[in-house]
Amino acid sequence: MTNRHWVRTVVPRYRDDPTIAMWELINEPYGSDTAMVRAFFDDAGAIVHELDPNHLVGFGTLQPDTYGGVAEFEEFSASPGVDVLSLHEYYDDADASHRLEPAVEAALAVDKPLLVGEWGLNAGPPGDRDEDGVGCHTVEERYQVAKSKLAAYLDTPVVAGALYWSYTAEENSICKLSTTRRDPLVELIRNIPIPLTDQQ
C-alpha cells in the first residue's frame, strides 16, 4: 500500500469524528532537504484537505535549526497543505524553551498558529538520575517547572497549545518523562486556563 493509498483509506474514516483535533502528516522528519519536505507537505496536505474539510492539518517537526534555520522552516511551513506549525522540545527550562522564538518567528511570517506538539520533563524518585546521568526532578518539582513553562507558552499569542509527552498507567519507578493519573502535572494540564486572543 502506498502512502497516498493509506491516506485515502484512513482519512475518510475519521473525517466527521469530533474527537480528532487535527491530522499530523509526519513525526519529526529529519535528514531530508527543505524542498523534499515542502513537496511532501504540499502533496499529502492537499489530499487530506480534499478528503476531510472538517479538521486542520499539522506537522510534527523539531525546532527550526534542525532543518537549517528559520528560513528553511518558513519554506515548508508556508505549504498550503499545512494549517498549523509544530515544535517539539524537551528542554529543562522553567520558561518557554529558547527554541521557541525561531519557531514563533516562522509562524508569524507565514501567518499560522504554532503548536508545541511535544514537550516533556523527566521526573522520578528523589536522587534519581536520567540516562545521561543528570539529576532528575521529583514529581513535585516537575510540577512547578511545568507550571512556569506552560504559563510562558500560553503567554505567547501565536502558540495555540502545548501537548505533553506522555501519559502512562505505570508509576514512575525511574527517571522518565511519563506522567500517571496521580501525578499533579495531569491536573495542571487539565485545568490550566487558556487565554483568549484577538483571533478567538
Protein backbone atom coordinates (compact mmCIF):
# COMPACT_ATOMS: atom_id res chain seq x y z
CA MET A 1 0.00 0.00 0.00
CA THR A 2 1.44 3.38 -0.98
CA ASN A 3 1.42 6.38 1.35
CA ARG A 4 -1.24 8.10 -0.76
CA HIS A 5 -3.40 4.97 -0.68
CA TRP A 6 -3.06 4.83 3.10
CA VAL A 7 -4.10 8.48 3.45
CA ARG A 8 -7.10 7.90 1.17
CA THR A 9 -8.06 4.86 3.26
CA VAL A 10 -7.74 6.36 6.74
CA VAL A 11 -8.79 10.00 6.41
CA PRO A 12 -12.39 9.46 5.15
CA ARG A 13 -12.99 7.08 8.03
CA TYR A 14 -12.44 9.84 10.58
CA ARG A 15 -13.43 12.99 8.70
CA ASP A 16 -16.54 13.51 10.84
CA ASP A 17 -15.00 12.46 14.17
CA PRO A 18 -15.17 15.40 16.64
CA THR A 19 -12.61 13.79 18.96
CA ILE A 20 -9.82 14.41 16.44
CA ALA A 21 -8.20 17.84 16.68
CA MET A 22 -6.07 17.66 13.56
CA TRP A 23 -4.10 15.39 11.26
CA GLU A 24 -0.32 15.24 11.70
CA LEU A 25 1.37 14.44 8.41
CA ILE A 26 4.63 13.09 9.81
CA ASN A 27 6.53 12.81 13.07
CA GLU A 28 9.89 14.58 13.27
CA PRO A 29 11.10 14.48 9.66
CA TYR A 30 14.85 14.56 9.70
CA GLY A 31 17.56 14.16 7.12
CA SER A 32 15.53 15.37 4.12
CA ASP A 33 16.19 18.64 2.35
CA THR A 34 13.78 21.55 2.57
CA ALA A 35 12.42 21.11 -0.95
CA MET A 36 11.59 17.46 -0.29
CA VAL A 37 9.81 18.25 2.99
CA ARG A 38 7.87 21.07 1.33
CA ALA A 39 6.85 18.84 -1.59
CA PHE A 40 5.61 16.19 0.81
CA PHE A 41 3.55 18.69 2.80
CA ASP A 42 2.10 20.17 -0.41
CA ASP A 43 1.11 16.75 -1.70
CA ALA A 44 -0.04 14.95 1.44
CA GLY A 45 -1.71 18.03 2.92
CA ALA A 46 -3.68 18.64 -0.26
CA ILE A 47 -5.02 15.08 -0.20
CA VAL A 48 -6.05 15.34 3.46
CA HIS A 49 -7.78 18.70 2.87
CA GLU A 50 -9.61 17.24 -0.12
CA LEU A 51 -10.85 14.23 1.85
CA ASP A 52 -11.55 15.99 5.16
CA PRO A 53 -12.70 19.62 5.24
CA ASN A 54 -13.54 19.34 8.95
CA HIS A 55 -10.08 19.07 10.51
CA LEU A 56 -6.86 21.04 10.48
CA VAL A 57 -3.60 19.64 9.15
CA GLY A 58 -0.32 19.99 11.02
CA PHE A 59 3.15 18.51 11.03
CA GLY A 60 5.25 17.13 13.87
CA THR A 61 8.58 18.88 13.43
CA LEU A 62 11.52 19.54 15.68
CA GLN A 63 12.97 23.02 16.17
CA PRO A 64 13.88 25.19 13.15
CA ASP A 65 17.66 24.76 13.46
CA THR A 66 17.18 21.03 12.88
CA TYR A 67 16.22 21.90 9.32
CA GLY A 68 18.82 24.58 8.67
CA GLY A 69 17.25 27.60 10.34
CA VAL A 70 14.23 29.89 10.28
CA ALA A 71 14.28 30.47 6.50
CA GLU A 72 14.11 26.75 5.77
CA PHE A 73 11.46 26.22 8.44
CA GLU A 74 9.40 29.02 6.92
CA GLU A 75 9.71 27.49 3.45
CA PHE A 76 7.94 24.26 4.31
CA SER A 77 5.67 25.93 6.89
CA ALA A 78 4.27 28.08 4.09
CA SER A 79 2.89 24.98 2.37
CA PRO A 80 -0.84 25.32 1.59
CA GLY A 81 -1.13 21.72 2.76
CA VAL A 82 -0.40 22.76 6.35
CA ASP A 83 -2.61 24.80 8.68
CA VAL A 84 -0.68 24.58 11.98
CA LEU A 85 3.07 24.65 12.65
CA SER A 86 4.73 22.42 15.23
CA LEU A 87 7.68 22.48 17.60
CA HIS A 88 8.93 19.51 19.63
CA GLU A 89 11.22 20.31 22.55
CA TYR A 90 12.42 18.63 25.73
CA TYR A 91 14.50 21.32 27.39
CA ASP A 92 14.56 21.51 31.16
CA ASP A 93 13.74 25.22 31.38
CA ALA A 94 11.26 26.75 33.84
CA ASP A 95 10.35 29.04 30.97
CA ALA A 96 9.47 28.71 27.32
CA SER A 97 12.28 26.93 25.50
CA HIS A 98 14.97 29.04 23.86
CA ARG A 99 13.95 27.07 20.74
CA LEU A 100 10.52 28.71 20.78
CA GLU A 101 11.48 32.15 19.45
CA PRO A 102 12.69 30.96 15.99
CA ALA A 103 9.53 28.86 15.58
CA VAL A 104 7.39 31.84 16.58
CA GLU A 105 9.26 33.97 14.02
CA ALA A 106 8.41 31.46 11.30
CA ALA A 107 4.78 31.17 12.41
CA LEU A 108 4.32 34.93 12.28
CA ALA A 109 5.98 35.09 8.85
CA VAL A 110 3.55 32.56 7.35
CA ASP A 111 0.57 33.75 9.46
CA LYS A 112 -0.24 30.38 11.01
CA PRO A 113 -0.62 29.22 14.63
CA LEU A 114 2.08 27.22 16.35
CA LEU A 115 1.51 24.12 18.47
CA VAL A 116 4.16 22.89 20.87
CA GLY A 117 3.34 19.40 19.67
CA GLU A 118 5.60 17.63 22.14
CA TRP A 119 7.27 18.78 25.33
CA GLY A 120 8.31 16.93 28.44
CA LEU A 121 10.30 16.94 31.64
CA ASN A 122 11.91 13.97 33.37
CA ALA A 123 10.81 13.08 36.90
CA GLY A 124 11.42 10.19 39.24
CA PRO A 125 12.24 9.18 42.79
CA PRO A 126 14.30 11.65 44.88
CA GLY A 127 18.01 11.46 43.99
CA ASP A 128 17.45 9.56 40.75
CA ARG A 129 19.30 10.47 37.54
CA ASP A 130 18.30 10.30 33.90
CA GLU A 131 20.02 8.17 31.25
CA ASP A 132 22.65 10.88 30.75
CA GLY A 133 23.45 10.99 34.46
CA VAL A 134 21.74 14.34 35.01
CA GLY A 135 19.87 14.83 38.29
CA CYS A 136 16.14 14.21 37.95
CA HIS A 137 13.20 16.26 39.22
CA THR A 138 10.88 14.74 41.73
CA VAL A 139 7.26 14.64 40.57
CA GLU A 140 6.51 17.67 42.75
CA GLU A 141 9.50 19.63 41.38
CA ARG A 142 8.46 18.81 37.82
CA TYR A 143 5.00 20.20 38.54
CA GLN A 144 6.48 23.58 39.50
CA VAL A 145 8.78 23.73 36.45
CA ALA A 146 5.95 22.66 34.13
CA LYS A 147 3.59 25.26 35.60
CA SER A 148 6.04 28.07 34.78
CA LYS A 149 6.80 26.62 31.37
CA LEU A 150 3.13 26.27 30.40
CA ALA A 151 2.38 29.81 31.54
CA ALA A 152 5.21 31.11 29.36
CA TYR A 153 3.98 29.18 26.33
CA LEU A 154 0.41 30.33 26.74
CA ASP A 155 1.57 33.91 27.20
CA THR A 156 2.84 33.80 23.61
CA PRO A 157 -0.19 34.67 21.42
CA VAL A 158 0.86 32.67 18.34
CA VAL A 159 1.15 29.50 20.47
CA ALA A 160 -2.16 27.68 20.15
CA GLY A 161 -1.41 24.96 22.71
CA ALA A 162 1.15 22.56 24.14
CA LEU A 163 0.88 18.76 24.17
CA TYR A 164 2.72 16.98 26.96
CA TRP A 165 4.58 13.76 26.16
CA SER A 166 3.47 11.40 27.62
CA TYR A 167 0.91 9.61 29.80
CA THR A 168 1.28 6.07 31.12
CA ALA A 169 -0.57 3.78 33.51
CA GLU A 170 2.68 2.86 35.24
CA GLU A 171 4.09 4.64 38.27
CA ASN A 172 7.45 6.36 37.87
CA SER A 173 9.99 3.95 39.35
CA ILE A 174 12.82 5.50 37.36
CA CYS A 175 13.57 8.94 35.95
CA LYS A 176 11.43 9.42 32.83
CA LEU A 177 9.06 11.76 31.01
CA SER A 178 5.87 9.86 31.72
CA THR A 179 3.03 11.04 33.94
CA THR A 180 0.36 8.95 35.67
CA ARG A 181 -3.16 9.68 36.84
CA ARG A 182 -1.93 10.61 40.32
CA ASP A 183 0.75 12.97 39.01
CA PRO A 184 -0.11 16.62 39.87
CA LEU A 185 1.03 17.56 36.36
CA VAL A 186 -2.06 15.81 34.94
CA GLU A 187 -4.39 18.05 36.94
CA LEU A 188 -2.35 21.13 35.98
CA ILE A 189 -2.67 20.36 32.28
CA ARG A 190 -6.37 19.60 32.61
CA ASN A 191 -7.22 22.79 34.47
CA ILE A 192 -4.80 25.47 33.27
CA PRO A 193 -6.77 28.36 31.71
CA ILE A 194 -6.09 29.06 28.04
CA PRO A 195 -6.00 32.83 27.45
CA LEU A 196 -8.20 34.31 24.75
CA THR A 197 -6.58 36.20 21.90
CA ASP A 198 -7.90 38.66 19.33
CA GLN A 199 -8.16 35.77 16.86
CA GLN A 200 -10.50 33.71 19.07
